[in-house]
Amino acid sequence: MKKKIVSRTISVFCIVLITVIVIFLDAFCNAEQLVQTDSRKSVFEYNTSTKPDYVIALEKGDYKSAIKKMRSLAEKGDPYVQYNLGLLYYRGTAGLPQNYKEAEKLWRKSAERGLIAAQSGLAQIYEKAKGMDHQESIEWYRKAAKRKVVFAYYFLGCFYAEGYGVVKDYKEAVEWFRKAADQDFIFAQINLGNIYIKGRGVPRNYQEAFSLYHKAAVGGADIAQISLGTMYFKGDGVAQDYVQAYKWFYIASATSDKRFADIAKEAIELTSKHLNRKQITEAIRLAKEEKITKIDVLKAFEK
């Protein structure tokens, strides 16, 4: 009877892990994170040690003056201003209407002069605003990848993993994800871990998946924390350890993402059936002692 209960519990965890992986792929294999922040925050590109006048004007909410200065500089060929003005058009903010065509025009001028942010912006435009034109996206991501831009490695990995604009090729996806993961790009570490769990393009390797999930978990990724806890629970890629499993589920349960928080809380409940009160207390103590770095999505994509 006890064996049946344990077997049923492990099956539940298999479902939990698969659910988490599917949610993650839906959430992160896109470029939308690149242009999500408020226009007044310091995500603009400029090549001076101090903020340009137009940036200061934007931060003060003096949009009319800022836009006038930006248009003048953009017309003179400043690639940084061309990118920044394109960003405002893309978002439809600072008093400007959302206008993808205008953003594309400005970003293309900037991208042709080598500005990485503009190249990435164009890739975003072609993915989202032009009916998922992946060929154009790939062209600009490849240009950024040649300049060793980490998130370009990551998105190229996504394209090959999903078959967007290219023939689906997990081996090629692994190479791009590895380039990004080796530079501590958390999202690539998780996707690469997922690939090793599934054995797509590479031999199934739980030890490698565990190592990648651990790096991402310590880096603050709630989904990696849940995946790591699941591996400890099942004994995949590591010795079975319910205390460690509870610890990582406990850490993940503090996430602000309700989807993952609910999964983590369910996992905590299931894991507690295998622990006594003393062991649970120890797991919580270990969780509180673990040094976790909170993810800053924009900083991750600006590496």
C-alpha atoms as a PDB file:
ATOM      1  CA  MET A   1       0.000   0.000   0.000  1.00  0.00           C
ATOM      2  CA  LYS A   2       2.800   2.392   0.968  1.00  0.00           C
ATOM      3  CA  LYS A   3       4.573   1.676  -2.321  1.00  0.00           C
ATOM      4  CA  LYS A   4       1.409   2.563  -4.248  1.00  0.00           C
ATOM      5  CA  ILE A   5       1.135   5.887  -2.418  1.00  0.00           C
ATOM      6  CA  VAL A   6       4.791   6.715  -3.127  1.00  0.00           C
ATOM      7  CA  SER A   7       4.405   5.708  -6.779  1.00  0.00           C
ATOM      8  CA  ARG A   8       1.282   7.870  -7.111  1.00  0.00           C
ATOM      9  CA  THR A   9       3.088  10.820  -5.486  1.00  0.00           C
ATOM     10  CA  ILE A  10       6.055  10.512  -7.838  1.00  0.00           C
ATOM     11  CA  SER A  11       3.658  10.421 -10.802  1.00  0.00           C
ATOM     12  CA  VAL A  12       2.126  13.667  -9.578  1.00  0.00           C
ATOM     13  CA  PHE A  13       5.600  15.208  -9.517  1.00  0.00           C
ATOM     14  CA  CYS A  14       6.248  14.078 -13.074  1.00  0.00           C
ATOM     15  CA  ILE A  15       3.100  15.937 -14.109  1.00  0.00           C
ATOM     16  CA  VAL A  16       4.170  18.992 -12.088  1.00  0.00           C
ATOM     17  CA  LEU A  17       7.579  19.093 -13.785  1.00  0.00           C
ATOM     18  CA  ILE A  18       6.089  18.739 -17.271  1.00  0.00           C
ATOM     19  CA  THR A  19       3.572  21.490 -16.505  1.00  0.00           C
ATOM     20  CA  VAL A  20       6.339  23.786 -15.326  1.00  0.00           C
ATOM     21  CA  ILE A  21       8.420  23.169 -18.449  1.00  0.00           C
ATOM     22  CA  VAL A  22       5.468  23.918 -20.768  1.00  0.00           C
ATOM     23  CA  ILE A  23       4.631  27.125 -18.872  1.00  0.00           C
ATOM     24  CA  PHE A  24       8.248  28.221 -19.068  1.00  0.00           C
ATOM     25  CA  LEU A  25       8.537  27.714 -22.816  1.00  0.00           C
ATOM     26  CA  ASP A  26       5.360  29.712 -23.376  1.00  0.00           C
ATOM     27  CA  ALA A  27       6.612  32.485 -21.109  1.00  0.00           C
ATOM     28  CA  PHE A  28      10.183  32.983 -22.202  1.00  0.00           C
ATOM     29  CA  CYS A  29      10.844  31.878 -25.772  1.00  0.00           C
ATOM     30  CA  ASN A  30      10.056  35.341 -27.119  1.00  0.00           C
ATOM     31  CA  ALA A  31      11.731  38.724 -27.281  1.00  0.00           C
ATOM     32  CA  GLU A  32       9.001  40.775 -25.609  1.00  0.00           C
ATOM     33  CA  GLN A  33      11.069  41.358 -22.443  1.00  0.00           C
ATOM     34  CA  LEU A  34      13.348  43.679 -24.386  1.00  0.00           C
ATOM     35  CA  VAL A  35      10.895  46.545 -24.588  1.00  0.00           C
ATOM     36  CA  GLN A  36       8.602  46.215 -21.583  1.00  0.00           C
ATOM     37  CA  THR A  37       9.669  48.989 -19.210  1.00  0.00           C
ATOM     38  CA  ASP A  38       8.363  52.523 -18.747  1.00  0.00           C
ATOM     39  CA  SER A  39       9.743  55.121 -21.145  1.00  0.00           C
ATOM     40  CA  ARG A  40      11.115  57.325 -18.377  1.00  0.00           C
ATOM     41  CA  LYS A  41      13.289  54.585 -16.883  1.00  0.00           C
ATOM     42  CA  SER A  42      16.940  54.510 -17.845  1.00  0.00           C
ATOM     43  CA  VAL A  43      16.818  51.930 -20.651  1.00  0.00           C
ATOM     44  CA  PHE A  44      17.860  54.340 -23.369  1.00  0.00           C
ATOM     45  CA  GLU A  45      21.128  54.049 -25.228  1.00  0.00           C
ATOM     46  CA  TYR A  46      23.578  56.943 -25.351  1.00  0.00           C
ATOM     47  CA  ASN A  47      27.338  57.255 -25.671  1.00  0.00           C
ATOM     48  CA  THR A  48      28.007  60.049 -23.196  1.00  0.00           C
ATOM     49  CA  SER A  49      28.996  59.882 -19.527  1.00  0.00           C
ATOM     50  CA  THR A  50      26.069  62.125 -18.550  1.00  0.00           C
ATOM     51  CA  LYS A  51      22.423  61.954 -19.536  1.00  0.00           C
ATOM     52  CA  PRO A  52      21.582  63.893 -22.702  1.00  0.00           C
ATOM     53  CA  ASP A  53      19.186  66.842 -22.347  1.00  0.00           C
ATOM     54  CA  TYR A  54      16.354  64.962 -24.018  1.00  0.00           C
ATOM     55  CA  VAL A  55      16.582  62.099 -21.501  1.00  0.00           C
ATOM     56  CA  ILE A  56      16.404  64.566 -18.612  1.00  0.00           C
ATOM     57  CA  ALA A  57      13.403  66.230 -20.273  1.00  0.00           C
ATOM     58  CA  LEU A  58      11.666  62.852 -20.646  1.00  0.00           C
ATOM     59  CA  GLU A  59      12.283  62.021 -16.999  1.00  0.00           C
ATOM     60  CA  LYS A  60      10.711  65.334 -16.029  1.00  0.00           C
ATOM     61  CA  GLY A  61       7.720  64.631 -18.243  1.00  0.00           C
ATOM     62  CA  ASP A  62       8.530  67.448 -20.683  1.00  0.00           C
ATOM     63  CA  TYR A  63       7.740  65.275 -23.682  1.00  0.00           C
ATOM     64  CA  LYS A  64       7.253  68.042 -26.248  1.00  0.00           C
ATOM     65  CA  SER A  65      10.717  69.480 -25.688  1.00  0.00           C
ATOM     66  CA  ALA A  66      12.325  66.038 -25.522  1.00  0.00           C
ATOM     67  CA  ILE A  67      10.765  64.775 -28.761  1.00  0.00           C
ATOM     68  CA  LYS A  68      11.729  67.967 -30.605  1.00  0.00           C
ATOM     69  CA  LYS A  69      15.372  67.546 -29.578  1.00  0.00           C
ATOM     70  CA  MET A  70      15.336  63.833 -30.421  1.00  0.00           C
ATOM     71  CA  ARG A  71      13.905  64.371 -33.905  1.00  0.00           C
ATOM     72  CA  SER A  72      16.539  66.984 -34.673  1.00  0.00           C
ATOM     73  CA  LEU A  73      19.395  64.705 -33.553  1.00  0.00           C
ATOM     74  CA  ALA A  74      17.902  61.659 -35.294  1.00  0.00           C
ATOM     75  CA  GLU A  75      17.690  63.543 -38.583  1.00  0.00           C
ATOM     76  CA  LYS A  76      21.379  64.384 -38.223  1.00  0.00           C
ATOM     77  CA  GLY A  77      22.151  60.657 -38.079  1.00  0.00           C
ATOM     78  CA  ASP A  78      22.772  60.001 -34.367  1.00  0.00           C
ATOM     79  CA  PRO A  79      22.221  56.194 -34.090  1.00  0.00           C
ATOM     80  CA  TYR A  80      21.608  56.353 -30.332  1.00  0.00           C
ATOM     81  CA  VAL A  81      18.854  58.933 -30.669  1.00  0.00           C
ATOM     82  CA  GLN A  82      17.399  57.053 -33.620  1.00  0.00           C
ATOM     83  CA  TYR A  83      17.143  53.973 -31.425  1.00  0.00           C
ATOM     84  CA  ASN A  84      15.663  55.857 -28.464  1.00  0.00           C
ATOM     85  CA  LEU A  85      13.079  57.677 -30.569  1.00  0.00           C
ATOM     86  CA  GLY A  86      12.175  54.383 -32.211  1.00  0.00           C
ATOM     87  CA  LEU A  87      11.676  52.910 -28.749  1.00  0.00           C
ATOM     88  CA  LEU A  88       9.147  55.607 -27.897  1.00  0.00           C
ATOM     89  CA  TYR A  89       7.263  54.976 -31.147  1.00  0.00           C
ATOM     90  CA  TYR A  90       7.330  51.247 -30.510  1.00  0.00           C
ATOM     91  CA  ARG A  91       5.764  51.692 -27.087  1.00  0.00           C
ATOM     92  CA  GLY A  92       3.456  54.524 -28.057  1.00  0.00           C
ATOM     93  CA  THR A  93       4.492  56.663 -25.118  1.00  0.00           C
ATOM     94  CA  ALA A  94       5.835  60.121 -24.227  1.00  0.00           C
ATOM     95  CA  GLY A  95       3.018  61.711 -26.206  1.00  0.00           C
ATOM     96  CA  LEU A  96       3.696  59.699 -29.370  1.00  0.00           C
ATOM     97  CA  PRO A  97       1.228  57.274 -30.966  1.00  0.00           C
ATOM     98  CA  GLN A  98       2.286  53.647 -31.232  1.00  0.00           C
ATOM     99  CA  ASN A  99       3.777  53.349 -34.696  1.00  0.00           C
ATOM    100  CA  TYR A 100       5.695  50.227 -35.619  1.00  0.00           C
ATOM    101  CA  LYS A 101       6.548  51.498 -39.101  1.00  0.00           C
ATOM    102  CA  GLU A 102       8.188  54.606 -37.679  1.00  0.00           C
ATOM    103  CA  ALA A 103      10.011  52.525 -35.082  1.00  0.00           C
ATOM    104  CA  GLU A 104      11.229  50.174 -37.799  1.00  0.00           C
ATOM    105  CA  LYS A 105      12.489  53.030 -39.952  1.00  0.00           C
ATOM    106  CA  LEU A 106      14.445  54.573 -37.078  1.00  0.00           C
ATOM    107  CA  TRP A 107      15.787  51.263 -35.773  1.00  0.00           C
ATOM    108  CA  ARG A 108      16.916  50.159 -39.222  1.00  0.00           C
ATOM    109  CA  LYS A 109      18.973  53.347 -39.648  1.00  0.00           C
ATOM    110  CA  SER A 110      20.493  52.807 -36.215  1.00  0.00           C
ATOM    111  CA  ALA A 111      21.029  49.069 -36.738  1.00  0.00           C
ATOM    112  CA  GLU A 112      22.824  49.644 -40.036  1.00  0.00           C
ATOM    113  CA  ARG A 113      25.319  51.770 -38.100  1.00  0.00           C
ATOM    114  CA  GLY A 114      25.966  48.846 -35.761  1.00  0.00           C
ATOM    115  CA  LEU A 115      23.933  49.645 -32.644  1.00  0.00           C
ATOM    116  CA  ILE A 116      23.192  46.299 -30.998  1.00  0.00           C
ATOM    117  CA  ALA A 117      20.041  47.487 -29.223  1.00  0.00           C
ATOM    118  CA  ALA A 118      18.580  48.600 -32.549  1.00  0.00           C
ATOM    119  CA  GLN A 119      19.416  45.272 -34.196  1.00  0.00           C
ATOM    120  CA  SER A 120      17.571  43.513 -31.383  1.00  0.00           C
ATOM    121  CA  GLY A 121      14.714  45.980 -31.663  1.00  0.00           C
ATOM    122  CA  LEU A 122      14.325  45.176 -35.341  1.00  0.00           C
ATOM    123  CA  ALA A 123      14.224  41.472 -34.531  1.00  0.00           C
ATOM    124  CA  GLN A 124      11.403  42.249 -32.094  1.00  0.00           C
ATOM    125  CA  ILE A 125       9.561  44.286 -34.722  1.00  0.00           C
ATOM    126  CA  TYR A 126       9.697  41.466 -37.249  1.00  0.00           C
ATOM    127  CA  GLU A 127       8.563  38.896 -34.679  1.00  0.00           C
ATOM    128  CA  LYS A 128       5.636  40.868 -33.323  1.00  0.00           C
ATOM    129  CA  ALA A 129       4.580  43.629 -35.644  1.00  0.00           C
ATOM    130  CA  LYS A 130       5.004  42.001 -39.042  1.00  0.00           C
ATOM    131  CA  GLY A 131       3.136  38.758 -38.611  1.00  0.00           C
ATOM    132  CA  MET A 132       6.016  36.746 -37.138  1.00  0.00           C
ATOM    133  CA  ASP A 133       8.534  37.316 -39.924  1.00  0.00           C
ATOM    134  CA  HIS A 134      11.148  35.066 -38.378  1.00  0.00           C
ATOM    135  CA  GLN A 135      13.568  35.244 -41.305  1.00  0.00           C
ATOM    136  CA  GLU A 136      14.113  38.956 -40.735  1.00  0.00           C
ATOM    137  CA  SER A 137      14.361  38.362 -36.975  1.00  0.00           C
ATOM    138  CA  ILE A 138      16.990  35.684 -37.421  1.00  0.00           C
ATOM    139  CA  GLU A 139      19.046  37.931 -39.699  1.00  0.00           C
ATOM    140  CA  TRP A 140      19.281  40.630 -37.034  1.00  0.00           C
ATOM    141  CA  TYR A 141      19.831  38.215 -34.146  1.00  0.00           C
ATOM    142  CA  ARG A 142      22.693  36.631 -36.085  1.00  0.00           C
ATOM    143  CA  LYS A 143      24.277  40.041 -36.536  1.00  0.00           C
ATOM    144  CA  ALA A 144      23.990  40.640 -32.796  1.00  0.00           C
ATOM    145  CA  ALA A 145      25.323  37.139 -32.051  1.00  0.00           C
ATOM    146  CA  LYS A 146      28.428  37.843 -34.130  1.00  0.00           C
ATOM    147  CA  ARG A 147      29.088  40.653 -31.686  1.00  0.00           C
ATOM    148  CA  LYS A 148      28.722  38.166 -28.810  1.00  0.00           C
ATOM    149  CA  VAL A 149      25.404  39.511 -27.520  1.00  0.00           C
ATOM    150  CA  VAL A 150      24.185  36.969 -24.959  1.00  0.00           C
ATOM    151  CA  PHE A 151      20.441  37.337 -25.443  1.00  0.00           C
ATOM    152  CA  ALA A 152      20.928  36.926 -29.207  1.00  0.00           C
ATOM    153  CA  TYR A 153      22.440  33.501 -28.496  1.00  0.00           C
ATOM    154  CA  TYR A 154      19.394  32.738 -26.387  1.00  0.00           C
ATOM    155  CA  PHE A 155      16.779  33.742 -28.959  1.00  0.00           C
ATOM    156  CA  LEU A 156      18.557  31.879 -31.750  1.00  0.00           C
ATOM    157  CA  GLY A 157      18.372  28.826 -29.495  1.00  0.00           C
ATOM    158  CA  CYS A 158      14.621  29.419 -29.169  1.00  0.00           C
ATOM    159  CA  PHE A 159      14.200  29.671 -32.926  1.00  0.00           C
ATOM    160  CA  TYR A 160      15.939  26.352 -33.509  1.00  0.00           C
ATOM    161  CA  ALA A 161      14.177  24.645 -30.594  1.00  0.00           C
ATOM    162  CA  GLU A 162      10.750  25.759 -31.822  1.00  0.00           C
ATOM    163  CA  GLY A 163      11.420  25.690 -35.584  1.00  0.00           C
ATOM    164  CA  TYR A 164      10.698  29.392 -36.084  1.00  0.00           C
ATOM    165  CA  GLY A 165      11.979  30.455 -39.506  1.00  0.00           C
ATOM    166  CA  VAL A 166      14.370  27.498 -39.593  1.00  0.00           C
ATOM    167  CA  VAL A 167      14.143  23.729 -39.622  1.00  0.00           C
ATOM    168  CA  LYS A 168      13.693  22.575 -36.025  1.00  0.00           C
ATOM    169  CA  ASP A 169      17.127  21.434 -34.867  1.00  0.00           C
ATOM    170  CA  TYR A 170      17.687  20.670 -31.191  1.00  0.00           C
ATOM    171  CA  LYS A 171      21.411  20.131 -31.674  1.00  0.00           C
ATOM    172  CA  GLU A 172      21.727  23.649 -33.072  1.00  0.00           C
ATOM    173  CA  ALA A 173      19.462  24.949 -30.284  1.00  0.00           C
ATOM    174  CA  VAL A 174      21.721  23.329 -27.694  1.00  0.00           C
ATOM    175  CA  GLU A 175      24.774  25.078 -29.125  1.00  0.00           C
ATOM    176  CA  TRP A 176      23.132  28.505 -28.909  1.00  0.00           C
ATOM    177  CA  PHE A 177      21.623  27.910 -25.474  1.00  0.00           C
ATOM    178  CA  ARG A 178      25.015  26.679 -24.254  1.00  0.00           C
ATOM    179  CA  LYS A 179      26.721  29.872 -25.414  1.00  0.00           C
ATOM    180  CA  ALA A 180      24.236  31.921 -23.383  1.00  0.00           C
ATOM    181  CA  ALA A 181      24.159  29.555 -20.398  1.00  0.00           C
ATOM    182  CA  ASP A 182      27.957  29.639 -20.120  1.00  0.00           C
ATOM    183  CA  GLN A 183      27.646  33.376 -19.551  1.00  0.00           C
ATOM    184  CA  ASP A 184      25.148  32.836 -16.703  1.00  0.00           C
ATOM    185  CA  PHE A 185      22.084  33.714 -18.751  1.00  0.00           C
ATOM    186  CA  ILE A 186      19.450  32.140 -16.507  1.00  0.00           C
ATOM    187  CA  PHE A 187      16.716  31.614 -19.107  1.00  0.00           C
ATOM    188  CA  ALA A 188      19.160  29.705 -21.327  1.00  0.00           C
ATOM    189  CA  GLN A 189      20.265  27.566 -18.377  1.00  0.00           C
ATOM    190  CA  ILE A 190      16.658  26.538 -17.776  1.00  0.00           C
ATOM    191  CA  ASN A 191      15.864  25.833 -21.430  1.00  0.00           C
ATOM    192  CA  LEU A 192      19.057  23.817 -21.745  1.00  0.00           C
ATOM    193  CA  GLY A 193      18.141  21.903 -18.583  1.00  0.00           C
ATOM    194  CA  ASN A 194      14.720  21.160 -20.108  1.00  0.00           C
ATOM    195  CA  ILE A 195      16.375  19.815 -23.247  1.00  0.00           C
ATOM    196  CA  TYR A 196      18.624  17.500 -21.225  1.00  0.00           C
ATOM    197  CA  ILE A 197      15.611  16.292 -19.227  1.00  0.00           C
ATOM    198  CA  LYS A 198      13.780  15.438 -22.456  1.00  0.00           C
ATOM    199  CA  GLY A 199      16.869  14.152 -24.279  1.00  0.00           C
ATOM    200  CA  ARG A 200      16.254  16.214 -27.395  1.00  0.00           C
ATOM    201  CA  GLY A 201      19.299  16.758 -29.584  1.00  0.00           C
ATOM    202  CA  VAL A 202      21.472  15.374 -26.805  1.00  0.00           C
ATOM    203  CA  PRO A 203      21.460  12.152 -24.766  1.00  0.00           C
ATOM    204  CA  ARG A 204      19.144  12.437 -21.747  1.00  0.00           C
ATOM    205  CA  ASN A 205      21.342  13.582 -18.891  1.00  0.00           C
ATOM    206  CA  TYR A 206      19.761  14.250 -15.507  1.00  0.00           C
ATOM    207  CA  GLN A 207      23.068  15.224 -13.910  1.00  0.00           C
ATOM    208  CA  GLU A 208      23.619  17.971 -16.467  1.00  0.00           C
ATOM    209  CA  ALA A 209      20.020  19.138 -16.115  1.00  0.00           C
ATOM    210  CA  PHE A 210      20.401  19.220 -12.340  1.00  0.00           C
ATOM    211  CA  SER A 211      23.571  21.323 -12.608  1.00  0.00           C
ATOM    212  CA  LEU A 212      21.887  23.821 -14.948  1.00  0.00           C
ATOM    213  CA  TYR A 213      18.733  24.059 -12.831  1.00  0.00           C
ATOM    214  CA  HIS A 214      20.833  24.595  -9.704  1.00  0.00           C
ATOM    215  CA  LYS A 215      22.659  27.547 -11.251  1.00  0.00           C
ATOM    216  CA  ALA A 216      19.380  29.102 -12.344  1.00  0.00           C
ATOM    217  CA  ALA A 217      17.709  28.353  -8.994  1.00  0.00           C
ATOM    218  CA  VAL A 218      20.433  30.113  -7.035  1.00  0.00           C
ATOM    219  CA  GLY A 219      20.110  32.923  -9.571  1.00  0.00           C
ATOM    220  CA  GLY A 220      16.513  33.435  -8.478  1.00  0.00           C
ATOM    221  CA  ALA A 221      14.461  31.579 -11.112  1.00  0.00           C
ATOM    222  CA  ASP A 222      11.345  30.197  -9.423  1.00  0.00           C
ATOM    223  CA  ILE A 223      10.739  27.655 -12.180  1.00  0.00           C
ATOM    224  CA  ALA A 224      14.283  26.302 -11.736  1.00  0.00           C
ATOM    225  CA  GLN A 225      13.752  26.091  -7.982  1.00  0.00           C
ATOM    226  CA  ILE A 226      10.647  23.946  -8.546  1.00  0.00           C
ATOM    227  CA  SER A 227      12.445  21.779 -11.099  1.00  0.00           C
ATOM    228  CA  LEU A 228      15.384  21.353  -8.724  1.00  0.00           C
ATOM    229  CA  GLY A 229      13.066  20.369  -5.886  1.00  0.00           C
ATOM    230  CA  THR A 230      11.376  17.833  -8.152  1.00  0.00           C
ATOM    231  CA  MET A 231      14.721  16.259  -9.027  1.00  0.00           C
ATOM    232  CA  TYR A 232      15.637  15.986  -5.337  1.00  0.00           C
ATOM    233  CA  PHE A 233      12.243  14.430  -4.646  1.00  0.00           C
ATOM    234  CA  LYS A 234      12.542  11.851  -7.422  1.00  0.00           C
ATOM    235  CA  GLY A 235      16.293  11.286  -7.106  1.00  0.00           C
ATOM    236  CA  ASP A 236      16.937  12.216 -10.739  1.00  0.00           C
ATOM    237  CA  GLY A 237      20.510  13.365 -11.321  1.00  0.00           C
ATOM    238  CA  VAL A 238      21.105  13.550  -7.569  1.00  0.00           C
ATOM    239  CA  ALA A 239      20.602  11.405  -4.471  1.00  0.00           C
ATOM    240  CA  GLN A 240      16.966  11.432  -3.329  1.00  0.00           C
ATOM    241  CA  ASP A 241      16.618  13.974  -0.538  1.00  0.00           C
ATOM    242  CA  TYR A 242      13.202  15.073   0.716  1.00  0.00           C
ATOM    243  CA  VAL A 243      14.666  17.750   2.977  1.00  0.00           C
ATOM    244  CA  GLN A 244      16.391  19.408   0.020  1.00  0.00           C
ATOM    245  CA  ALA A 245      13.253  18.999  -2.083  1.00  0.00           C
ATOM    246  CA  TYR A 246      11.152  20.733   0.590  1.00  0.00           C
ATOM    247  CA  LYS A 247      13.790  23.458   0.891  1.00  0.00           C
ATOM    248  CA  TRP A 248      13.647  24.391  -2.805  1.00  0.00           C
ATOM    249  CA  PHE A 249       9.870  24.200  -2.974  1.00  0.00           C
ATOM    250  CA  TYR A 250       9.727  26.452   0.084  1.00  0.00           C
ATOM    251  CA  ILE A 251      12.017  28.983  -1.609  1.00  0.00           C
ATOM    252  CA  ALA A 252       9.964  28.869  -4.822  1.00  0.00           C
ATOM    253  CA  SER A 253       6.695  29.352  -2.932  1.00  0.00           C
ATOM    254  CA  ALA A 254       7.708  32.950  -2.169  1.00  0.00           C
ATOM    255  CA  THR A 255       7.564  33.904  -5.858  1.00  0.00           C
ATOM    256  CA  SER A 256       5.227  36.678  -6.948  1.00  0.00           C
ATOM    257  CA  ASP A 257       4.100  34.538  -9.904  1.00  0.00           C
ATOM    258  CA  LYS A 258       0.886  32.872  -8.691  1.00  0.00           C
ATOM    259  CA  ARG A 259       1.199  29.996 -11.167  1.00  0.00           C
ATOM    260  CA  PHE A 260       4.525  28.875  -9.792  1.00  0.00           C
ATOM    261  CA  ALA A 261       3.643  29.733  -6.196  1.00  0.00           C
ATOM    262  CA  ASP A 262       0.631  27.415  -6.371  1.00  0.00           C
ATOM    263  CA  ILE A 263       2.698  24.596  -7.867  1.00  0.00           C
ATOM    264  CA  ALA A 264       5.364  25.050  -5.175  1.00  0.00           C
ATOM    265  CA  LYS A 265       2.795  25.020  -2.373  1.00  0.00           C
ATOM    266  CA  GLU A 266       1.243  21.818  -3.704  1.00  0.00           C
ATOM    267  CA  ALA A 267       4.716  20.300  -3.892  1.00  0.00           C
ATOM    268  CA  ILE A 268       5.432  21.335  -0.287  1.00  0.00           C
ATOM    269  CA  GLU A 269       2.259  19.578   0.860  1.00  0.00           C
ATOM    270  CA  LEU A 270       3.182  16.373  -0.954  1.00  0.00           C
ATOM    271  CA  THR A 271       6.793  16.424   0.241  1.00  0.00           C
ATOM    272  CA  SER A 272       5.791  17.014   3.874  1.00  0.00           C
ATOM    273  CA  LYS A 273       4.197  13.546   3.886  1.00  0.00           C
ATOM    274  CA  HIS A 274       7.713  12.096   3.734  1.00  0.00           C
ATOM    275  CA  LEU A 275       9.171  14.239   6.532  1.00  0.00           C
ATOM    276  CA  ASN A 276       8.765  14.556  10.275  1.00  0.00           C
ATOM    277  CA  ARG A 277       8.413  17.894  12.027  1.00  0.00           C
ATOM    278  CA  LYS A 278      12.138  18.106  12.817  1.00  0.00           C
ATOM    279  CA  GLN A 279      13.099  17.538   9.175  1.00  0.00           C
ATOM    280  CA  ILE A 280      10.618  20.168   7.965  1.00  0.00           C
ATOM    281  CA  THR A 281      12.063  22.664  10.443  1.00  0.00           C
ATOM    282  CA  GLU A 282      15.536  21.861   9.107  1.00  0.00           C
ATOM    283  CA  ALA A 283      14.413  22.287   5.502  1.00  0.00           C
ATOM    284  CA  ILE A 284      12.958  25.720   6.279  1.00  0.00           C
ATOM    285  CA  ARG A 285      16.151  26.709   8.092  1.00  0.00           C
ATOM    286  CA  LEU A 286      18.226  25.702   5.072  1.00  0.00           C
ATOM    287  CA  ALA A 287      15.895  27.621   2.756  1.00  0.00           C
ATOM    288  CA  LYS A 288      16.295  30.792   4.783  1.00  0.00           C
ATOM    289  CA  GLU A 289      20.075  30.415   4.770  1.00  0.00           C
ATOM    290  CA  GLU A 290      20.277  29.937   0.999  1.00  0.00           C
ATOM    291  CA  LYS A 291      21.550  33.055  -0.724  1.00  0.00           C
ATOM    292  CA  ILE A 292      19.267  33.693  -3.658  1.00  0.00           C
ATOM    293  CA  THR A 293      19.788  36.502  -6.171  1.00  0.00           C
ATOM    294  CA  LYS A 294      16.566  38.076  -7.393  1.00  0.00           C
ATOM    295  CA  ILE A 295      16.300  38.154 -11.177  1.00  0.00           C
ATOM    296  CA  ASP A 296      16.191  41.517 -12.894  1.00  0.00           C
ATOM    297  CA  VAL A 297      14.764  40.615 -16.294  1.00  0.00           C
ATOM    298  CA  LEU A 298      15.973  43.738 -18.086  1.00  0.00           C
ATOM    299  CA  LYS A 299      19.508  43.422 -16.738  1.00  0.00           C
ATOM    300  CA  ALA A 300      19.557  39.783 -17.822  1.00  0.00           C
ATOM    301  CA  PHE A 301      18.645  40.772 -21.366  1.00  0.00           C
ATOM    302  CA  GLU A 302      21.093  43.677 -21.429  1.00  0.00           C
ATOM    303  CA  LYS A 303      24.143  41.494 -20.706  1.00  0.00           C
END
